[in-house]
PDBML (XML) file of the C-alpha atoms, coordinates in Angstrom:
<?xml version="1.0" encoding="UTF-8" ?>
<PDBx:datablock datablockName="MODEL"
   xmlns:PDBx="http://pdbml.pdb.org/schema/pdbx-v50.xsd"
   xmlns:xsi="http://www.w3.org/2001/XMLSchema-instance"
   xsi:schemaLocation="http://pdbml.pdb.org/schema/pdbx-v50.xsd pdbx-v50.xsd">
   <PDBx:atom_siteCategory>
      <PDBx:atom_site id="1">
         <PDBx:B_iso_or_equiv>0.00</PDBx:B_iso_or_equiv>
         <PDBx:Cartn_x>29.271</PDBx:Cartn_x>
         <PDBx:Cartn_y>-30.659</PDBx:Cartn_y>
         <PDBx:Cartn_z>-33.297</PDBx:Cartn_z>
         <PDBx:auth_asym_id>A</PDBx:auth_asym_id>
         <PDBx:auth_atom_id>CA</PDBx:auth_atom_id>
         <PDBx:auth_comp_id>UNK</PDBx:auth_comp_id>
         <PDBx:auth_seq_id>1</PDBx:auth_seq_id>
         <PDBx:group_PDB>ATOM</PDBx:group_PDB>
         <PDBx:label_alt_id xsi:nil="true" />
         <PDBx:label_asym_id>A</PDBx:label_asym_id>
         <PDBx:label_atom_id>CA</PDBx:label_atom_id>
         <PDBx:label_comp_id>UNK</PDBx:label_comp_id>
         <PDBx:label_entity_id>1</PDBx:label_entity_id>
         <PDBx:label_seq_id>1</PDBx:label_seq_id>
         <PDBx:occupancy>1.00</PDBx:occupancy>
         <PDBx:pdbx_PDB_model_num>1</PDBx:pdbx_PDB_model_num>
         <PDBx:type_symbol>C</PDBx:type_symbol>
      </PDBx:atom_site>
      <PDBx:atom_site id="2">
         <PDBx:B_iso_or_equiv>0.00</PDBx:B_iso_or_equiv>
         <PDBx:Cartn_x>31.858</PDBx:Cartn_x>
         <PDBx:Cartn_y>-28.296</PDBx:Cartn_y>
         <PDBx:Cartn_z>-31.865</PDBx:Cartn_z>
         <PDBx:auth_asym_id>A</PDBx:auth_asym_id>
         <PDBx:auth_atom_id>CA</PDBx:auth_atom_id>
         <PDBx:auth_comp_id>UNK</PDBx:auth_comp_id>
         <PDBx:auth_seq_id>2</PDBx:auth_seq_id>
         <PDBx:group_PDB>ATOM</PDBx:group_PDB>
         <PDBx:label_alt_id xsi:nil="true" />
         <PDBx:label_asym_id>A</PDBx:label_asym_id>
         <PDBx:label_atom_id>CA</PDBx:label_atom_id>
         <PDBx:label_comp_id>UNK</PDBx:label_comp_id>
         <PDBx:label_entity_id>1</PDBx:label_entity_id>
         <PDBx:label_seq_id>2</PDBx:label_seq_id>
         <PDBx:occupancy>1.00</PDBx:occupancy>
         <PDBx:pdbx_PDB_model_num>1</PDBx:pdbx_PDB_model_num>
         <PDBx:type_symbol>C</PDBx:type_symbol>
      </PDBx:atom_site>
      <PDBx:atom_site id="3">
         <PDBx:B_iso_or_equiv>0.00</PDBx:B_iso_or_equiv>
         <PDBx:Cartn_x>30.243</PDBx:Cartn_x>
         <PDBx:Cartn_y>-25.659</PDBx:Cartn_y>
         <PDBx:Cartn_z>-29.633</PDBx:Cartn_z>
         <PDBx:auth_asym_id>A</PDBx:auth_asym_id>
         <PDBx:auth_atom_id>CA</PDBx:auth_atom_id>
         <PDBx:auth_comp_id>UNK</PDBx:auth_comp_id>
         <PDBx:auth_seq_id>3</PDBx:auth_seq_id>
         <PDBx:group_PDB>ATOM</PDBx:group_PDB>
         <PDBx:label_alt_id xsi:nil="true" />
         <PDBx:label_asym_id>A</PDBx:label_asym_id>
         <PDBx:label_atom_id>CA</PDBx:label_atom_id>
         <PDBx:label_comp_id>UNK</PDBx:label_comp_id>
         <PDBx:label_entity_id>1</PDBx:label_entity_id>
         <PDBx:label_seq_id>3</PDBx:label_seq_id>
         <PDBx:occupancy>1.00</PDBx:occupancy>
         <PDBx:pdbx_PDB_model_num>1</PDBx:pdbx_PDB_model_num>
         <PDBx:type_symbol>C</PDBx:type_symbol>
      </PDBx:atom_site>
      <PDBx:atom_site id="4">
         <PDBx:B_iso_or_equiv>0.00</PDBx:B_iso_or_equiv>
         <PDBx:Cartn_x>31.826</PDBx:Cartn_x>
         <PDBx:Cartn_y>-22.491</PDBx:Cartn_y>
         <PDBx:Cartn_z>-28.263</PDBx:Cartn_z>
         <PDBx:auth_asym_id>A</PDBx:auth_asym_id>
         <PDBx:auth_atom_id>CA</PDBx:auth_atom_id>
         <PDBx:auth_comp_id>UNK</PDBx:auth_comp_id>
         <PDBx:auth_seq_id>4</PDBx:auth_seq_id>
         <PDBx:group_PDB>ATOM</PDBx:group_PDB>
         <PDBx:label_alt_id xsi:nil="true" />
         <PDBx:label_asym_id>A</PDBx:label_asym_id>
         <PDBx:label_atom_id>CA</PDBx:label_atom_id>
         <PDBx:label_comp_id>UNK</PDBx:label_comp_id>
         <PDBx:label_entity_id>1</PDBx:label_entity_id>
         <PDBx:label_seq_id>4</PDBx:label_seq_id>
         <PDBx:occupancy>1.00</PDBx:occupancy>
         <PDBx:pdbx_PDB_model_num>1</PDBx:pdbx_PDB_model_num>
         <PDBx:type_symbol>C</PDBx:type_symbol>
      </PDBx:atom_site>
      <PDBx:atom_site id="5">
         <PDBx:B_iso_or_equiv>0.00</PDBx:B_iso_or_equiv>
         <PDBx:Cartn_x>31.307</PDBx:Cartn_x>
         <PDBx:Cartn_y>-21.662</PDBx:Cartn_y>
         <PDBx:Cartn_z>-24.601</PDBx:Cartn_z>
         <PDBx:auth_asym_id>A</PDBx:auth_asym_id>
         <PDBx:auth_atom_id>CA</PDBx:auth_atom_id>
         <PDBx:auth_comp_id>UNK</PDBx:auth_comp_id>
         <PDBx:auth_seq_id>5</PDBx:auth_seq_id>
         <PDBx:group_PDB>ATOM</PDBx:group_PDB>
         <PDBx:label_alt_id xsi:nil="true" />
         <PDBx:label_asym_id>A</PDBx:label_asym_id>
         <PDBx:label_atom_id>CA</PDBx:label_atom_id>
         <PDBx:label_comp_id>UNK</PDBx:label_comp_id>
         <PDBx:label_entity_id>1</PDBx:label_entity_id>
         <PDBx:label_seq_id>5</PDBx:label_seq_id>
         <PDBx:occupancy>1.00</PDBx:occupancy>
         <PDBx:pdbx_PDB_model_num>1</PDBx:pdbx_PDB_model_num>
         <PDBx:type_symbol>C</PDBx:type_symbol>
      </PDBx:atom_site>
      <PDBx:atom_site id="6">
         <PDBx:B_iso_or_equiv>0.00</PDBx:B_iso_or_equiv>
         <PDBx:Cartn_x>28.508</PDBx:Cartn_x>
         <PDBx:Cartn_y>-19.067</PDBx:Cartn_y>
         <PDBx:Cartn_z>-24.441</PDBx:Cartn_z>
         <PDBx:auth_asym_id>A</PDBx:auth_asym_id>
         <PDBx:auth_atom_id>CA</PDBx:auth_atom_id>
         <PDBx:auth_comp_id>UNK</PDBx:auth_comp_id>
         <PDBx:auth_seq_id>6</PDBx:auth_seq_id>
         <PDBx:group_PDB>ATOM</PDBx:group_PDB>
         <PDBx:label_alt_id xsi:nil="true" />
         <PDBx:label_asym_id>A</PDBx:label_asym_id>
         <PDBx:label_atom_id>CA</PDBx:label_atom_id>
         <PDBx:label_comp_id>UNK</PDBx:label_comp_id>
         <PDBx:label_entity_id>1</PDBx:label_entity_id>
         <PDBx:label_seq_id>6</PDBx:label_seq_id>
         <PDBx:occupancy>1.00</PDBx:occupancy>
         <PDBx:pdbx_PDB_model_num>1</PDBx:pdbx_PDB_model_num>
         <PDBx:type_symbol>C</PDBx:type_symbol>
      </PDBx:atom_site>
      <PDBx:atom_site id="7">
         <PDBx:B_iso_or_equiv>0.00</PDBx:B_iso_or_equiv>
         <PDBx:Cartn_x>29.838</PDBx:Cartn_x>
         <PDBx:Cartn_y>-15.813</PDBx:Cartn_y>
         <PDBx:Cartn_z>-23.088</PDBx:Cartn_z>
         <PDBx:auth_asym_id>A</PDBx:auth_asym_id>
         <PDBx:auth_atom_id>CA</PDBx:auth_atom_id>
         <PDBx:auth_comp_id>UNK</PDBx:auth_comp_id>
         <PDBx:auth_seq_id>7</PDBx:auth_seq_id>
         <PDBx:group_PDB>ATOM</PDBx:group_PDB>
         <PDBx:label_alt_id xsi:nil="true" />
         <PDBx:label_asym_id>A</PDBx:label_asym_id>
         <PDBx:label_atom_id>CA</PDBx:label_atom_id>
         <PDBx:label_comp_id>UNK</PDBx:label_comp_id>
         <PDBx:label_entity_id>1</PDBx:label_entity_id>
         <PDBx:label_seq_id>7</PDBx:label_seq_id>
         <PDBx:occupancy>1.00</PDBx:occupancy>
         <PDBx:pdbx_PDB_model_num>1</PDBx:pdbx_PDB_model_num>
         <PDBx:type_symbol>C</PDBx:type_symbol>
      </PDBx:atom_site>
      <PDBx:atom_site id="8">
         <PDBx:B_iso_or_equiv>0.00</PDBx:B_iso_or_equiv>
         <PDBx:Cartn_x>33.523</PDBx:Cartn_x>
         <PDBx:Cartn_y>-16.619</PDBx:Cartn_y>
         <PDBx:Cartn_z>-23.757</PDBx:Cartn_z>
         <PDBx:auth_asym_id>A</PDBx:auth_asym_id>
         <PDBx:auth_atom_id>CA</PDBx:auth_atom_id>
         <PDBx:auth_comp_id>UNK</PDBx:auth_comp_id>
         <PDBx:auth_seq_id>8</PDBx:auth_seq_id>
         <PDBx:group_PDB>ATOM</PDBx:group_PDB>
         <PDBx:label_alt_id xsi:nil="true" />
         <PDBx:label_asym_id>A</PDBx:label_asym_id>
         <PDBx:label_atom_id>CA</PDBx:label_atom_id>
         <PDBx:label_comp_id>UNK</PDBx:label_comp_id>
         <PDBx:label_entity_id>1</PDBx:label_entity_id>
         <PDBx:label_seq_id>8</PDBx:label_seq_id>
         <PDBx:occupancy>1.00</PDBx:occupancy>
         <PDBx:pdbx_PDB_model_num>1</PDBx:pdbx_PDB_model_num>
         <PDBx:type_symbol>C</PDBx:type_symbol>
      </PDBx:atom_site>
      <PDBx:atom_site id="9">
         <PDBx:B_iso_or_equiv>0.00</PDBx:B_iso_or_equiv>
         <PDBx:Cartn_x>35.686</PDBx:Cartn_x>
         <PDBx:Cartn_y>-15.133</PDBx:Cartn_y>
         <PDBx:Cartn_z>-26.495</PDBx:Cartn_z>
         <PDBx:auth_asym_id>A</PDBx:auth_asym_id>
         <PDBx:auth_atom_id>CA</PDBx:auth_atom_id>
         <PDBx:auth_comp_id>UNK</PDBx:auth_comp_id>
         <PDBx:auth_seq_id>9</PDBx:auth_seq_id>
         <PDBx:group_PDB>ATOM</PDBx:group_PDB>
         <PDBx:label_alt_id xsi:nil="true" />
         <PDBx:label_asym_id>A</PDBx:label_asym_id>
         <PDBx:label_atom_id>CA</PDBx:label_atom_id>
         <PDBx:label_comp_id>UNK</PDBx:label_comp_id>
         <PDBx:label_entity_id>1</PDBx:label_entity_id>
         <PDBx:label_seq_id>9</PDBx:label_seq_id>
         <PDBx:occupancy>1.00</PDBx:occupancy>
         <PDBx:pdbx_PDB_model_num>1</PDBx:pdbx_PDB_model_num>
         <PDBx:type_symbol>C</PDBx:type_symbol>
      </PDBx:atom_site>
      <PDBx:atom_site id="10">
         <PDBx:B_iso_or_equiv>0.00</PDBx:B_iso_or_equiv>
         <PDBx:Cartn_x>36.988</PDBx:Cartn_x>
         <PDBx:Cartn_y>-17.663</PDBx:Cartn_y>
         <PDBx:Cartn_z>-29.013</PDBx:Cartn_z>
         <PDBx:auth_asym_id>A</PDBx:auth_asym_id>
         <PDBx:auth_atom_id>CA</PDBx:auth_atom_id>
         <PDBx:auth_comp_id>UNK</PDBx:auth_comp_id>
         <PDBx:auth_seq_id>10</PDBx:auth_seq_id>
         <PDBx:group_PDB>ATOM</PDBx:group_PDB>
         <PDBx:label_alt_id xsi:nil="true" />
         <PDBx:label_asym_id>A</PDBx:label_asym_id>
         <PDBx:label_atom_id>CA</PDBx:label_atom_id>
         <PDBx:label_comp_id>UNK</PDBx:label_comp_id>
         <PDBx:label_entity_id>1</PDBx:label_entity_id>
         <PDBx:label_seq_id>10</PDBx:label_seq_id>
         <PDBx:occupancy>1.00</PDBx:occupancy>
         <PDBx:pdbx_PDB_model_num>1</PDBx:pdbx_PDB_model_num>
         <PDBx:type_symbol>C</PDBx:type_symbol>
      </PDBx:atom_site>
      <PDBx:atom_site id="11">
         <PDBx:B_iso_or_equiv>0.00</PDBx:B_iso_or_equiv>
         <PDBx:Cartn_x>37.662</PDBx:Cartn_x>
         <PDBx:Cartn_y>-15.727</PDBx:Cartn_y>
         <PDBx:Cartn_z>-32.218</PDBx:Cartn_z>
         <PDBx:auth_asym_id>A</PDBx:auth_asym_id>
         <PDBx:auth_atom_id>CA</PDBx:auth_atom_id>
         <PDBx:auth_comp_id>UNK</PDBx:auth_comp_id>
         <PDBx:auth_seq_id>11</PDBx:auth_seq_id>
         <PDBx:group_PDB>ATOM</PDBx:group_PDB>
         <PDBx:label_alt_id xsi:nil="true" />
         <PDBx:label_asym_id>A</PDBx:label_asym_id>
         <PDBx:label_atom_id>CA</PDBx:label_atom_id>
         <PDBx:label_comp_id>UNK</PDBx:label_comp_id>
         <PDBx:label_entity_id>1</PDBx:label_entity_id>
         <PDBx:label_seq_id>11</PDBx:label_seq_id>
         <PDBx:occupancy>1.00</PDBx:occupancy>
         <PDBx:pdbx_PDB_model_num>1</PDBx:pdbx_PDB_model_num>
         <PDBx:type_symbol>C</PDBx:type_symbol>
      </PDBx:atom_site>
      <PDBx:atom_site id="12">
         <PDBx:B_iso_or_equiv>0.00</PDBx:B_iso_or_equiv>
         <PDBx:Cartn_x>38.902</PDBx:Cartn_x>
         <PDBx:Cartn_y>-12.285</PDBx:Cartn_y>
         <PDBx:Cartn_z>-31.119</PDBx:Cartn_z>
         <PDBx:auth_asym_id>A</PDBx:auth_asym_id>
         <PDBx:auth_atom_id>CA</PDBx:auth_atom_id>
         <PDBx:auth_comp_id>UNK</PDBx:auth_comp_id>
         <PDBx:auth_seq_id>12</PDBx:auth_seq_id>
         <PDBx:group_PDB>ATOM</PDBx:group_PDB>
         <PDBx:label_alt_id xsi:nil="true" />
         <PDBx:label_asym_id>A</PDBx:label_asym_id>
         <PDBx:label_atom_id>CA</PDBx:label_atom_id>
         <PDBx:label_comp_id>UNK</PDBx:label_comp_id>
         <PDBx:label_entity_id>1</PDBx:label_entity_id>
         <PDBx:label_seq_id>12</PDBx:label_seq_id>
         <PDBx:occupancy>1.00</PDBx:occupancy>
         <PDBx:pdbx_PDB_model_num>1</PDBx:pdbx_PDB_model_num>
         <PDBx:type_symbol>C</PDBx:type_symbol>
      </PDBx:atom_site>
      <PDBx:atom_site id="13">
         <PDBx:B_iso_or_equiv>0.00</PDBx:B_iso_or_equiv>
         <PDBx:Cartn_x>40.648</PDBx:Cartn_x>
         <PDBx:Cartn_y>-11.597</PDBx:Cartn_y>
         <PDBx:Cartn_z>-34.422</PDBx:Cartn_z>
         <PDBx:auth_asym_id>A</PDBx:auth_asym_id>
         <PDBx:auth_atom_id>CA</PDBx:auth_atom_id>
         <PDBx:auth_comp_id>UNK</PDBx:auth_comp_id>
         <PDBx:auth_seq_id>13</PDBx:auth_seq_id>
         <PDBx:group_PDB>ATOM</PDBx:group_PDB>
         <PDBx:label_alt_id xsi:nil="true" />
         <PDBx:label_asym_id>A</PDBx:label_asym_id>
         <PDBx:label_atom_id>CA</PDBx:label_atom_id>
         <PDBx:label_comp_id>UNK</PDBx:label_comp_id>
         <PDBx:label_entity_id>1</PDBx:label_entity_id>
         <PDBx:label_seq_id>13</PDBx:label_seq_id>
         <PDBx:occupancy>1.00</PDBx:occupancy>
         <PDBx:pdbx_PDB_model_num>1</PDBx:pdbx_PDB_model_num>
         <PDBx:type_symbol>C</PDBx:type_symbol>
      </PDBx:atom_site>
      <PDBx:atom_site id="14">
         <PDBx:B_iso_or_equiv>0.00</PDBx:B_iso_or_equiv>
         <PDBx:Cartn_x>39.930</PDBx:Cartn_x>
         <PDBx:Cartn_y>-13.228</PDBx:Cartn_y>
         <PDBx:Cartn_z>-37.757</PDBx:Cartn_z>
         <PDBx:auth_asym_id>A</PDBx:auth_asym_id>
         <PDBx:auth_atom_id>CA</PDBx:auth_atom_id>
         <PDBx:auth_comp_id>UNK</PDBx:auth_comp_id>
         <PDBx:auth_seq_id>14</PDBx:auth_seq_id>
         <PDBx:group_PDB>ATOM</PDBx:group_PDB>
         <PDBx:label_alt_id xsi:nil="true" />
         <PDBx:label_asym_id>A</PDBx:label_asym_id>
         <PDBx:label_atom_id>CA</PDBx:label_atom_id>
         <PDBx:label_comp_id>UNK</PDBx:label_comp_id>
         <PDBx:label_entity_id>1</PDBx:label_entity_id>
         <PDBx:label_seq_id>14</PDBx:label_seq_id>
         <PDBx:occupancy>1.00</PDBx:occupancy>
         <PDBx:pdbx_PDB_model_num>1</PDBx:pdbx_PDB_model_num>
         <PDBx:type_symbol>C</PDBx:type_symbol>
      </PDBx:atom_site>
      <PDBx:atom_site id="15">
         <PDBx:B_iso_or_equiv>0.00</PDBx:B_iso_or_equiv>
         <PDBx:Cartn_x>43.254</PDBx:Cartn_x>
         <PDBx:Cartn_y>-15.141</PDBx:Cartn_y>
         <PDBx:Cartn_z>-37.499</PDBx:Cartn_z>
         <PDBx:auth_asym_id>A</PDBx:auth_asym_id>
         <PDBx:auth_atom_id>CA</PDBx:auth_atom_id>
         <PDBx:auth_comp_id>UNK</PDBx:auth_comp_id>
         <PDBx:auth_seq_id>15</PDBx:auth_seq_id>
         <PDBx:group_PDB>ATOM</PDBx:group_PDB>
         <PDBx:label_alt_id xsi:nil="true" />
         <PDBx:label_asym_id>A</PDBx:label_asym_id>
         <PDBx:label_atom_id>CA</PDBx:label_atom_id>
         <PDBx:label_comp_id>UNK</PDBx:label_comp_id>
         <PDBx:label_entity_id>1</PDBx:label_entity_id>
         <PDBx:label_seq_id>15</PDBx:label_seq_id>
         <PDBx:occupancy>1.00</PDBx:occupancy>
         <PDBx:pdbx_PDB_model_num>1</PDBx:pdbx_PDB_model_num>
         <PDBx:type_symbol>C</PDBx:type_symbol>
      </PDBx:atom_site>
      <PDBx:atom_site id="16">
         <PDBx:B_iso_or_equiv>0.00</PDBx:B_iso_or_equiv>
         <PDBx:Cartn_x>41.832</PDBx:Cartn_x>
         <PDBx:Cartn_y>-16.872</PDBx:Cartn_y>
         <PDBx:Cartn_z>-34.421</PDBx:Cartn_z>
         <PDBx:auth_asym_id>A</PDBx:auth_asym_id>
         <PDBx:auth_atom_id>CA</PDBx:auth_atom_id>
         <PDBx:auth_comp_id>UNK</PDBx:auth_comp_id>
         <PDBx:auth_seq_id>16</PDBx:auth_seq_id>
         <PDBx:group_PDB>ATOM</PDBx:group_PDB>
         <PDBx:label_alt_id xsi:nil="true" />
         <PDBx:label_asym_id>A</PDBx:label_asym_id>
         <PDBx:label_atom_id>CA</PDBx:label_atom_id>
         <PDBx:label_comp_id>UNK</PDBx:label_comp_id>
         <PDBx:label_entity_id>1</PDBx:label_entity_id>
         <PDBx:label_seq_id>16</PDBx:label_seq_id>
         <PDBx:occupancy>1.00</PDBx:occupancy>
         <PDBx:pdbx_PDB_model_num>1</PDBx:pdbx_PDB_model_num>
         <PDBx:type_symbol>C</PDBx:type_symbol>
      </PDBx:atom_site>
      <PDBx:atom_site id="17">
         <PDBx:B_iso_or_equiv>0.00</PDBx:B_iso_or_equiv>
         <PDBx:Cartn_x>39.532</PDBx:Cartn_x>
         <PDBx:Cartn_y>-18.848</PDBx:Cartn_y>
         <PDBx:Cartn_z>-36.714</PDBx:Cartn_z>
         <PDBx:auth_asym_id>A</PDBx:auth_asym_id>
         <PDBx:auth_atom_id>CA</PDBx:auth_atom_id>
         <PDBx:auth_comp_id>UNK</PDBx:auth_comp_id>
         <PDBx:auth_seq_id>17</PDBx:auth_seq_id>
         <PDBx:group_PDB>ATOM</PDBx:group_PDB>
         <PDBx:label_alt_id xsi:nil="true" />
         <PDBx:label_asym_id>A</PDBx:label_asym_id>
         <PDBx:label_atom_id>CA</PDBx:label_atom_id>
         <PDBx:label_comp_id>UNK</PDBx:label_comp_id>
         <PDBx:label_entity_id>1</PDBx:label_entity_id>
         <PDBx:label_seq_id>17</PDBx:label_seq_id>
         <PDBx:occupancy>1.00</PDBx:occupancy>
         <PDBx:pdbx_PDB_model_num>1</PDBx:pdbx_PDB_model_num>
         <PDBx:type_symbol>C</PDBx:type_symbol>
      </PDBx:atom_site>
      <PDBx:atom_site id="18">
         <PDBx:B_iso_or_equiv>0.00</PDBx:B_iso_or_equiv>
         <PDBx:Cartn_x>42.296</PDBx:Cartn_x>
         <PDBx:Cartn_y>-21.442</PDBx:Cartn_y>
         <PDBx:Cartn_z>-36.618</PDBx:Cartn_z>
         <PDBx:auth_asym_id>A</PDBx:auth_asym_id>
         <PDBx:auth_atom_id>CA</PDBx:auth_atom_id>
         <PDBx:auth_comp_id>UNK</PDBx:auth_comp_id>
         <PDBx:auth_seq_id>18</PDBx:auth_seq_id>
         <PDBx:group_PDB>ATOM</PDBx:group_PDB>
         <PDBx:label_alt_id xsi:nil="true" />
         <PDBx:label_asym_id>A</PDBx:label_asym_id>
         <PDBx:label_atom_id>CA</PDBx:label_atom_id>
         <PDBx:label_comp_id>UNK</PDBx:label_comp_id>
         <PDBx:label_entity_id>1</PDBx:label_entity_id>
         <PDBx:label_seq_id>18</PDBx:label_seq_id>
         <PDBx:occupancy>1.00</PDBx:occupancy>
         <PDBx:pdbx_PDB_model_num>1</PDBx:pdbx_PDB_model_num>
         <PDBx:type_symbol>C</PDBx:type_symbol>
      </PDBx:atom_site>
      <PDBx:atom_site id="19">
         <PDBx:B_iso_or_equiv>0.00</PDBx:B_iso_or_equiv>
         <PDBx:Cartn_x>41.277</PDBx:Cartn_x>
         <PDBx:Cartn_y>-22.246</PDBx:Cartn_y>
         <PDBx:Cartn_z>-33.036</PDBx:Cartn_z>
         <PDBx:auth_asym_id>A</PDBx:auth_asym_id>
         <PDBx:auth_atom_id>CA</PDBx:auth_atom_id>
         <PDBx:auth_comp_id>UNK</PDBx:auth_comp_id>
         <PDBx:auth_seq_id>19</PDBx:auth_seq_id>
         <PDBx:group_PDB>ATOM</PDBx:group_PDB>
         <PDBx:label_alt_id xsi:nil="true" />
         <PDBx:label_asym_id>A</PDBx:label_asym_id>
         <PDBx:label_atom_id>CA</PDBx:label_atom_id>
         <PDBx:label_comp_id>UNK</PDBx:label_comp_id>
         <PDBx:label_entity_id>1</PDBx:label_entity_id>
         <PDBx:label_seq_id>19</PDBx:label_seq_id>
         <PDBx:occupancy>1.00</PDBx:occupancy>
         <PDBx:pdbx_PDB_model_num>1</PDBx:pdbx_PDB_model_num>
         <PDBx:type_symbol>C</PDBx:type_symbol>
      </PDBx:atom_site>
      <PDBx:atom_site id="20">
         <PDBx:B_iso_or_equiv>0.00</PDBx:B_iso_or_equiv>
         <PDBx:Cartn_x>37.804</PDBx:Cartn_x>
         <PDBx:Cartn_y>-23.252</PDBx:Cartn_y>
         <PDBx:Cartn_z>-34.216</PDBx:Cartn_z>
         <PDBx:auth_asym_id>A</PDBx:auth_asym_id>
         <PDBx:auth_atom_id>CA</PDBx:auth_atom_id>
         <PDBx:auth_comp_id>UNK</PDBx:auth_comp_id>
         <PDBx:auth_seq_id>20</PDBx:auth_seq_id>
         <PDBx:group_PDB>ATOM</PDBx:group_PDB>
         <PDBx:label_alt_id xsi:nil="true" />
         <PDBx:label_asym_id>A</PDBx:label_asym_id>
         <PDBx:label_atom_id>CA</PDBx:label_atom_id>
         <PDBx:label_comp_id>UNK</PDBx:label_comp_id>
         <PDBx:label_entity_id>1</PDBx:label_entity_id>
         <PDBx:label_seq_id>20</PDBx:label_seq_id>
         <PDBx:occupancy>1.00</PDBx:occupancy>
         <PDBx:pdbx_PDB_model_num>1</PDBx:pdbx_PDB_model_num>
         <PDBx:type_symbol>C</PDBx:type_symbol>
      </PDBx:atom_site>
      <PDBx:atom_site id="21">
         <PDBx:B_iso_or_equiv>0.00</PDBx:B_iso_or_equiv>
         <PDBx:Cartn_x>39.238</PDBx:Cartn_x>
         <PDBx:Cartn_y>-25.177</PDBx:Cartn_y>
         <PDBx:Cartn_z>-37.145</PDBx:Cartn_z>
         <PDBx:auth_asym_id>A</PDBx:auth_asym_id>
         <PDBx:auth_atom_id>CA</PDBx:auth_atom_id>
         <PDBx:auth_comp_id>UNK</PDBx:auth_comp_id>
         <PDBx:auth_seq_id>21</PDBx:auth_seq_id>
         <PDBx:group_PDB>ATOM</PDBx:group_PDB>
         <PDBx:label_alt_id xsi:nil="true" />
         <PDBx:label_asym_id>A</PDBx:label_asym_id>
         <PDBx:label_atom_id>CA</PDBx:label_atom_id>
         <PDBx:label_comp_id>UNK</PDBx:label_comp_id>
         <PDBx:label_entity_id>1</PDBx:label_entity_id>
         <PDBx:label_seq_id>21</PDBx:label_seq_id>
         <PDBx:occupancy>1.00</PDBx:occupancy>
         <PDBx:pdbx_PDB_model_num>1</PDBx:pdbx_PDB_model_num>
         <PDBx:type_symbol>C</PDBx:type_symbol>
      </PDBx:atom_site>
      <PDBx:atom_site id="22">
         <PDBx:B_iso_or_equiv>0.00</PDBx:B_iso_or_equiv>
         <PDBx:Cartn_x>41.605</PDBx:Cartn_x>
         <PDBx:Cartn_y>-27.054</PDBx:Cartn_y>
         <PDBx:Cartn_z>-34.815</PDBx:Cartn_z>
         <PDBx:auth_asym_id>A</PDBx:auth_asym_id>
         <PDBx:auth_atom_id>CA</PDBx:auth_atom_id>
         <PDBx:auth_comp_id>UNK</PDBx:auth_comp_id>
         <PDBx:auth_seq_id>22</PDBx:auth_seq_id>
         <PDBx:group_PDB>ATOM</PDBx:group_PDB>
         <PDBx:label_alt_id xsi:nil="true" />
         <PDBx:label_asym_id>A</PDBx:label_asym_id>
         <PDBx:label_atom_id>CA</PDBx:label_atom_id>
         <PDBx:label_comp_id>UNK</PDBx:label_comp_id>
         <PDBx:label_entity_id>1</PDBx:label_entity_id>
         <PDBx:label_seq_id>22</PDBx:label_seq_id>
         <PDBx:occupancy>1.00</PDBx:occupancy>
         <PDBx:pdbx_PDB_model_num>1</PDBx:pdbx_PDB_model_num>
         <PDBx:type_symbol>C</PDBx:type_symbol>
      </PDBx:atom_site>
      <PDBx:atom_site id="23">
         <PDBx:B_iso_or_equiv>0.00</PDBx:B_iso_or_equiv>
         <PDBx:Cartn_x>38.723</PDBx:Cartn_x>
         <PDBx:Cartn_y>-27.966</PDBx:Cartn_y>
         <PDBx:Cartn_z>-32.541</PDBx:Cartn_z>
         <PDBx:auth_asym_id>A</PDBx:auth_asym_id>
         <PDBx:auth_atom_id>CA</PDBx:auth_atom_id>
         <PDBx:auth_comp_id>UNK</PDBx:auth_comp_id>
         <PDBx:auth_seq_id>23</PDBx:auth_seq_id>
         <PDBx:group_PDB>ATOM</PDBx:group_PDB>
         <PDBx:label_alt_id xsi:nil="true" />
         <PDBx:label_asym_id>A</PDBx:label_asym_id>
         <PDBx:label_atom_id>CA</PDBx:label_atom_id>
         <PDBx:label_comp_id>UNK</PDBx:label_comp_id>
         <PDBx:label_entity_id>1</PDBx:label_entity_id>
         <PDBx:label_seq_id>23</PDBx:label_seq_id>
         <PDBx:occupancy>1.00</PDBx:occupancy>
         <PDBx:pdbx_PDB_model_num>1</PDBx:pdbx_PDB_model_num>
         <PDBx:type_symbol>C</PDBx:type_symbol>
      </PDBx:atom_site>
      <PDBx:atom_site id="24">
         <PDBx:B_iso_or_equiv>0.00</PDBx:B_iso_or_equiv>
         <PDBx:Cartn_x>36.707</PDBx:Cartn_x>
         <PDBx:Cartn_y>-29.226</PDBx:Cartn_y>
         <PDBx:Cartn_z>-35.517</PDBx:Cartn_z>
         <PDBx:auth_asym_id>A</PDBx:auth_asym_id>
         <PDBx:auth_atom_id>CA</PDBx:auth_atom_id>
         <PDBx:auth_comp_id>UNK</PDBx:auth_comp_id>
         <PDBx:auth_seq_id>24</PDBx:auth_seq_id>
         <PDBx:group_PDB>ATOM</PDBx:group_PDB>
         <PDBx:label_alt_id xsi:nil="true" />
         <PDBx:label_asym_id>A</PDBx:label_asym_id>
         <PDBx:label_atom_id>CA</PDBx:label_atom_id>
         <PDBx:label_comp_id>UNK</PDBx:label_comp_id>
         <PDBx:label_entity_id>1</PDBx:label_entity_id>
         <PDBx:label_seq_id>24</PDBx:label_seq_id>
         <PDBx:occupancy>1.00</PDBx:occupancy>
         <PDBx:pdbx_PDB_model_num>1</PDBx:pdbx_PDB_model_num>
         <PDBx:type_symbol>C</PDBx:type_symbol>
      </PDBx:atom_site>
      <PDBx:atom_site id="25">
         <PDBx:B_iso_or_equiv>0.00</PDBx:B_iso_or_equiv>
         <PDBx:Cartn_x>39.641</PDBx:Cartn_x>
         <PDBx:Cartn_y>-31.279</PDBx:Cartn_y>
         <PDBx:Cartn_z>-36.852</PDBx:Cartn_z>
         <PDBx:auth_asym_id>A</PDBx:auth_asym_id>
         <PDBx:auth_atom_id>CA</PDBx:auth_atom_id>
         <PDBx:auth_comp_id>UNK</PDBx:auth_comp_id>
         <PDBx:auth_seq_id>25</PDBx:auth_seq_id>
         <PDBx:group_PDB>ATOM</PDBx:group_PDB>
         <PDBx:label_alt_id xsi:nil="true" />
         <PDBx:label_asym_id>A</PDBx:label_asym_id>
         <PDBx:label_atom_id>CA</PDBx:label_atom_id>
         <PDBx:label_comp_id>UNK</PDBx:label_comp_id>
         <PDBx:label_entity_id>1</PDBx:label_entity_id>
         <PDBx:label_seq_id>25</PDBx:label_seq_id>
         <PDBx:occupancy>1.00</PDBx:occupancy>
         <PDBx:pdbx_PDB_model_num>1</PDBx:pdbx_PDB_model_num>
         <PDBx:type_symbol>C</PDBx:type_symbol>
      </PDBx:atom_site>
   </PDBx:atom_siteCategory>
</PDBx:datablock>
């Protein structure tokens, strides 16, 4: 499971979803 850091921005704009996808890949 990929987990974001609580309290930290990860997806600031919808285009940033790629960051989460990259982490999952």
